[in-house]
Amino acid sequence: MLVDVHCHLDLCKKPAQEVVNKDMLIISNGTDLASNKKVLSYAKTFPNVKAALGLFPLNIVKMSNKQVQENLKFIKDNKDKIIAIGEVGIDFKWCEDEKERKKQVEVFKKIVKLANTIKKPLIVHSWKAMPKVLELLQQAKVQVIMHCFEGNLQLTEEAVKRGYYFTIPANFWKRKGFKNVAKRAPIDRLLTETDSPYLSPTEEENKPENVRYAIDKLAELRGLTKLETENQIYANAKKCLLISKH
């Protein structure tokens, strides 16, 4: 079974009914309160869609402290309806203001603490902030999934040592950082994602079923059949996200 552990159904231009492939497992990630509410509605509508509620780092810097707390409370209040906390993390790529960076860090600390409290895995964004993210994740007592991770060999080995998982985007072979992680990480720590509607491997807007592109290229890269690769990814998803059935 194909698995997309990280997409944003609420951000796709097409309605969810046209985007959701009912023959695969999809985890739709939220980015703020409005997004999280939509994610919950998708999980209620589609049996094969699971919800991950999150707080995107670049959204955090636009929020008041009260709004941040409201978002965190919403995640906690809906802990029994979600499979993970995501998308969360730190983004220094598009945030150069030191005050805003500090706010991201402080909120991410709270998110890690929340994950420990409600015992849910973290799906983590770490663009240009990987050393800081790994530093803060030392406090995590839950499973960690590194979304679109592009860490160097040392950072990748550290994440592997801690037992983290890594998502491989549907267009991973087009970017050196993604491809290096696909080569370096153990096959039993890899997951597939699309980040739909972004990171499309085609000229059209991305969609969950495009993880098939990642499966095809990953199989070629690791010397496996496509079926072996697909089965391994599904087994990894079941293990790290405690999925008994879709």
Protein backbone atom coordinates (compact mmCIF):
# COMPACT_ATOMS: atom_id res chain seq x y z
CA MET A 1 0.00 0.00 0.00
CA LEU A 2 1.24 3.47 -0.88
CA VAL A 3 1.75 5.88 2.02
CA ASP A 4 1.91 9.68 2.06
CA VAL A 5 2.87 10.66 5.60
CA HIS A 6 2.96 14.39 4.91
CA CYS A 7 0.63 16.37 2.70
CA HIS A 8 -1.63 19.40 3.02
CA LEU A 9 -5.03 18.55 1.60
CA ASP A 10 -6.42 21.88 2.75
CA LEU A 11 -3.93 23.77 0.57
CA CYS A 12 -4.61 21.87 -2.65
CA LYS A 13 -6.53 23.78 -5.31
CA LYS A 14 -8.66 20.78 -6.22
CA PRO A 15 -11.29 19.56 -3.73
CA ALA A 16 -10.25 16.73 -1.45
CA GLN A 17 -12.63 14.33 -3.20
CA GLU A 18 -10.53 14.68 -6.35
CA VAL A 19 -7.16 14.54 -4.60
CA VAL A 20 -7.63 11.67 -2.15
CA ASN A 21 -6.75 8.25 -3.56
CA LYS A 22 -8.83 5.87 -1.45
CA ASP A 23 -6.46 2.95 -2.04
CA MET A 24 -3.58 4.44 -0.06
CA LEU A 25 -2.81 5.76 3.42
CA ILE A 26 -2.68 9.55 3.67
CA ILE A 27 -1.71 11.73 6.62
CA SER A 28 -2.88 15.30 6.15
CA ASN A 29 -0.84 17.80 8.19
CA GLY A 30 -2.27 21.00 9.64
CA THR A 31 -0.45 24.32 9.89
CA ASP A 32 -2.64 26.51 12.14
CA LEU A 33 -6.04 26.49 13.85
CA ALA A 34 -8.15 26.89 10.69
CA SER A 35 -6.03 24.33 8.85
CA ASN A 36 -6.23 21.85 11.74
CA LYS A 37 -10.02 22.04 11.77
CA LYS A 38 -10.08 21.20 8.07
CA VAL A 39 -7.68 18.31 8.61
CA LEU A 40 -9.99 16.81 11.22
CA SER A 41 -12.89 17.08 8.80
CA TYR A 42 -10.94 15.18 6.12
CA ALA A 43 -10.08 12.41 8.57
CA LYS A 44 -13.76 12.13 9.47
CA THR A 45 -14.84 12.03 5.80
CA PHE A 46 -12.23 9.66 4.38
CA PRO A 47 -11.44 6.39 6.23
CA ASN A 48 -7.91 6.26 4.75
CA VAL A 49 -6.98 9.82 5.75
CA LYS A 50 -5.38 10.30 9.17
CA ALA A 51 -4.99 13.66 10.89
CA ALA A 52 -1.81 15.33 12.09
CA LEU A 53 -2.43 18.67 13.77
CA GLY A 54 0.36 21.22 13.74
CA LEU A 55 1.62 24.75 13.92
CA PHE A 56 3.83 25.74 11.01
CA PRO A 57 6.90 27.71 12.18
CA LEU A 58 6.41 30.62 9.78
CA ASN A 59 2.81 30.93 10.94
CA ILE A 60 3.95 31.15 14.55
CA VAL A 61 5.80 34.42 14.02
CA LYS A 62 2.57 36.06 12.84
CA MET A 63 0.61 34.99 15.91
CA SER A 64 0.13 36.57 19.30
CA ASN A 65 1.07 34.49 22.34
CA LYS A 66 -2.64 34.01 23.00
CA GLN A 67 -3.18 32.62 19.49
CA VAL A 68 -0.25 30.23 19.93
CA GLN A 69 -1.77 28.93 23.16
CA GLU A 70 -5.15 28.50 21.48
CA ASN A 71 -3.51 26.41 18.76
CA LEU A 72 -1.67 24.24 21.25
CA LYS A 73 -4.82 23.75 23.32
CA PHE A 74 -6.75 22.68 20.22
CA ILE A 75 -4.15 20.02 19.49
CA LYS A 76 -4.27 18.74 23.06
CA ASP A 77 -8.06 18.74 23.16
CA ASN A 78 -8.18 16.63 19.99
CA LYS A 79 -5.39 14.22 20.90
CA ASP A 80 -7.63 11.17 20.53
CA LYS A 81 -8.47 12.10 16.92
CA ILE A 82 -4.93 12.44 15.62
CA ILE A 83 -2.09 10.16 14.64
CA ALA A 84 0.72 12.73 15.04
CA ILE A 85 1.62 16.36 15.70
CA GLY A 86 2.65 18.03 12.46
CA GLU A 87 3.64 20.09 10.69
CA VAL A 88 5.83 21.63 13.37
CA GLY A 89 9.46 22.68 13.73
CA ILE A 90 11.74 25.60 12.93
CA ASP A 91 12.40 27.46 9.68
CA PHE A 92 15.44 29.75 9.46
CA LYS A 93 15.46 29.72 5.65
CA TRP A 94 12.65 32.25 5.35
CA CYS A 95 13.04 33.89 8.73
CA GLU A 96 16.13 36.02 9.39
CA ASP A 97 14.76 38.21 12.19
CA GLU A 98 16.38 37.11 15.47
CA LYS A 99 13.33 37.91 17.55
CA GLU A 100 11.11 35.82 15.27
CA ARG A 101 13.64 32.97 15.26
CA LYS A 102 13.68 33.01 19.05
CA LYS A 103 9.88 32.82 19.11
CA GLN A 104 9.96 29.78 16.81
CA VAL A 105 12.42 28.08 19.14
CA GLU A 106 10.40 28.82 22.28
CA VAL A 107 7.17 27.55 20.74
CA PHE A 108 8.85 24.42 19.39
CA LYS A 109 10.02 23.64 22.92
CA LYS A 110 6.40 23.80 24.02
CA ILE A 111 5.34 21.57 21.14
CA VAL A 112 7.90 18.91 22.07
CA LYS A 113 6.64 19.05 25.64
CA LEU A 114 3.06 18.71 24.40
CA ALA A 115 4.00 15.68 22.28
CA ASN A 116 5.51 14.03 25.34
CA THR A 117 2.35 14.75 27.33
CA ILE A 118 -0.15 13.38 24.80
CA LYS A 119 2.25 10.72 23.52
CA LYS A 120 2.03 11.50 19.81
CA PRO A 121 4.84 11.34 17.19
CA LEU A 122 6.25 14.58 15.81
CA ILE A 123 6.45 15.39 12.09
CA VAL A 124 9.21 17.99 11.98
CA HIS A 125 10.17 20.79 9.60
CA SER A 126 13.81 21.89 9.93
CA TRP A 127 14.77 24.02 6.92
CA LYS A 128 18.18 25.63 7.50
CA ALA A 129 17.72 24.95 11.22
CA MET A 130 18.67 21.28 11.50
CA PRO A 131 21.32 21.57 14.25
CA LYS A 132 18.95 23.60 16.44
CA VAL A 133 16.04 21.29 15.78
CA LEU A 134 18.08 18.21 16.66
CA GLU A 135 19.27 19.95 19.82
CA LEU A 136 15.70 20.61 20.96
CA LEU A 137 14.50 17.15 19.95
CA GLN A 138 16.79 15.65 22.56
CA GLN A 139 13.89 16.33 24.94
CA ALA A 140 11.43 14.32 22.83
CA LYS A 141 10.22 11.06 24.36
CA VAL A 142 8.11 10.21 21.32
CA GLN A 143 8.87 9.02 17.81
CA VAL A 144 10.23 11.68 15.45
CA ILE A 145 9.72 11.91 11.70
CA MET A 146 12.03 14.36 9.93
CA HIS A 147 10.06 15.91 7.08
CA CYS A 148 12.12 16.79 3.97
CA PHE A 149 15.35 16.47 5.96
CA GLU A 150 18.52 17.60 4.17
CA GLY A 151 21.07 17.17 6.92
CA ASN A 152 24.72 16.40 6.19
CA LEU A 153 26.24 13.00 6.96
CA GLN A 154 26.95 13.86 10.61
CA LEU A 155 23.44 15.17 11.30
CA THR A 156 21.85 12.25 9.46
CA GLU A 157 23.89 9.75 11.46
CA GLU A 158 22.89 11.47 14.70
CA ALA A 159 19.21 11.31 13.75
CA VAL A 160 19.58 7.63 12.79
CA LYS A 161 21.29 6.92 16.11
CA ARG A 162 18.29 8.38 17.93
CA GLY A 163 15.88 6.20 15.97
CA TYR A 164 14.27 8.93 13.88
CA TYR A 165 12.51 8.36 10.56
CA PHE A 166 12.97 10.39 7.37
CA THR A 167 10.42 11.28 4.71
CA ILE A 168 11.42 11.02 1.07
CA PRO A 169 9.50 13.50 -1.16
CA ALA A 170 7.94 12.46 -4.45
CA ASN A 171 10.62 14.47 -6.29
CA PHE A 172 13.55 13.59 -4.02
CA TRP A 173 16.01 12.76 -6.82
CA LYS A 174 15.83 16.36 -8.05
CA ARG A 175 17.51 17.83 -4.96
CA LYS A 176 20.92 16.76 -3.68
CA GLY A 177 20.04 17.00 0.01
CA PHE A 178 16.96 14.80 -0.34
CA LYS A 179 18.81 12.27 -2.48
CA ASN A 180 21.68 12.01 0.00
CA VAL A 181 19.29 11.17 2.82
CA ALA A 182 17.57 8.59 0.62
CA LYS A 183 20.99 6.97 0.11
CA ARG A 184 22.30 7.27 3.67
CA ALA A 185 19.36 6.42 5.92
CA PRO A 186 18.57 2.75 6.61
CA ILE A 187 15.73 1.50 4.43
CA ASP A 188 13.71 0.65 7.53
CA ARG A 189 13.76 4.32 8.59
CA LEU A 190 12.41 5.77 5.36
CA LEU A 191 8.89 6.99 4.65
CA THR A 192 7.34 8.57 1.55
CA GLU A 193 5.57 11.91 1.31
CA THR A 194 4.44 14.46 -1.25
CA ASP A 195 4.08 17.70 0.75
CA SER A 196 1.13 18.27 -1.60
CA PRO A 197 0.43 20.64 -3.19
CA TYR A 198 4.18 21.40 -3.16
CA LEU A 199 7.29 19.54 -4.39
CA SER A 200 5.56 18.00 -7.38
CA PRO A 201 7.52 15.54 -9.54
CA THR A 202 5.39 16.62 -12.52
CA GLU A 203 4.34 19.92 -14.03
CA GLU A 204 0.95 19.65 -12.33
CA GLU A 205 0.12 20.40 -8.71
CA ASN A 206 1.26 17.61 -6.42
CA LYS A 207 -1.15 15.01 -5.01
CA PRO A 208 -0.76 12.09 -2.57
CA GLU A 209 -0.70 9.31 -5.15
CA ASN A 210 2.49 10.83 -6.57
CA VAL A 211 4.43 9.04 -3.82
CA ARG A 212 4.60 6.34 -6.47
CA TYR A 213 7.37 8.39 -8.12
CA ALA A 214 9.36 8.26 -4.88
CA ILE A 215 8.81 4.50 -4.62
CA ASP A 216 10.02 3.95 -8.19
CA LYS A 217 13.16 6.05 -7.79
CA LEU A 218 13.92 4.74 -4.30
CA ALA A 219 13.68 1.15 -5.53
CA GLU A 220 16.15 1.96 -8.29
CA LEU A 221 18.49 3.73 -5.86
CA ARG A 222 18.48 0.94 -3.25
CA GLY A 223 18.48 -2.04 -5.62
CA LEU A 224 15.02 -3.28 -4.66
CA THR A 225 11.86 -4.09 -6.59
CA LYS A 226 9.06 -1.55 -6.52
CA LEU A 227 6.87 -3.96 -4.55
CA GLU A 228 9.61 -4.62 -1.99
CA THR A 229 10.07 -0.88 -1.55
CA GLU A 230 6.35 -0.18 -1.24
CA ASN A 231 5.92 -2.96 1.33
CA GLN A 232 8.93 -1.74 3.33
CA ILE A 233 7.64 1.84 3.45
CA TYR A 234 4.21 0.68 4.60
CA ALA A 235 5.79 -1.50 7.28
CA ASN A 236 7.85 1.48 8.44
CA ALA A 237 4.74 3.68 8.63
CA LYS A 238 2.87 1.07 10.65
CA LYS A 239 5.74 0.76 13.07
CA CYS A 240 6.56 4.42 13.69
CA LEU A 241 2.97 5.68 13.66
CA LEU A 242 1.41 2.64 15.34
CA ILE A 243 -1.09 2.15 12.53
CA SER A 244 -3.04 -1.08 12.89
CA LYS A 245 -5.21 -0.54 9.83
CA HIS A 246 -6.03 2.29 7.47
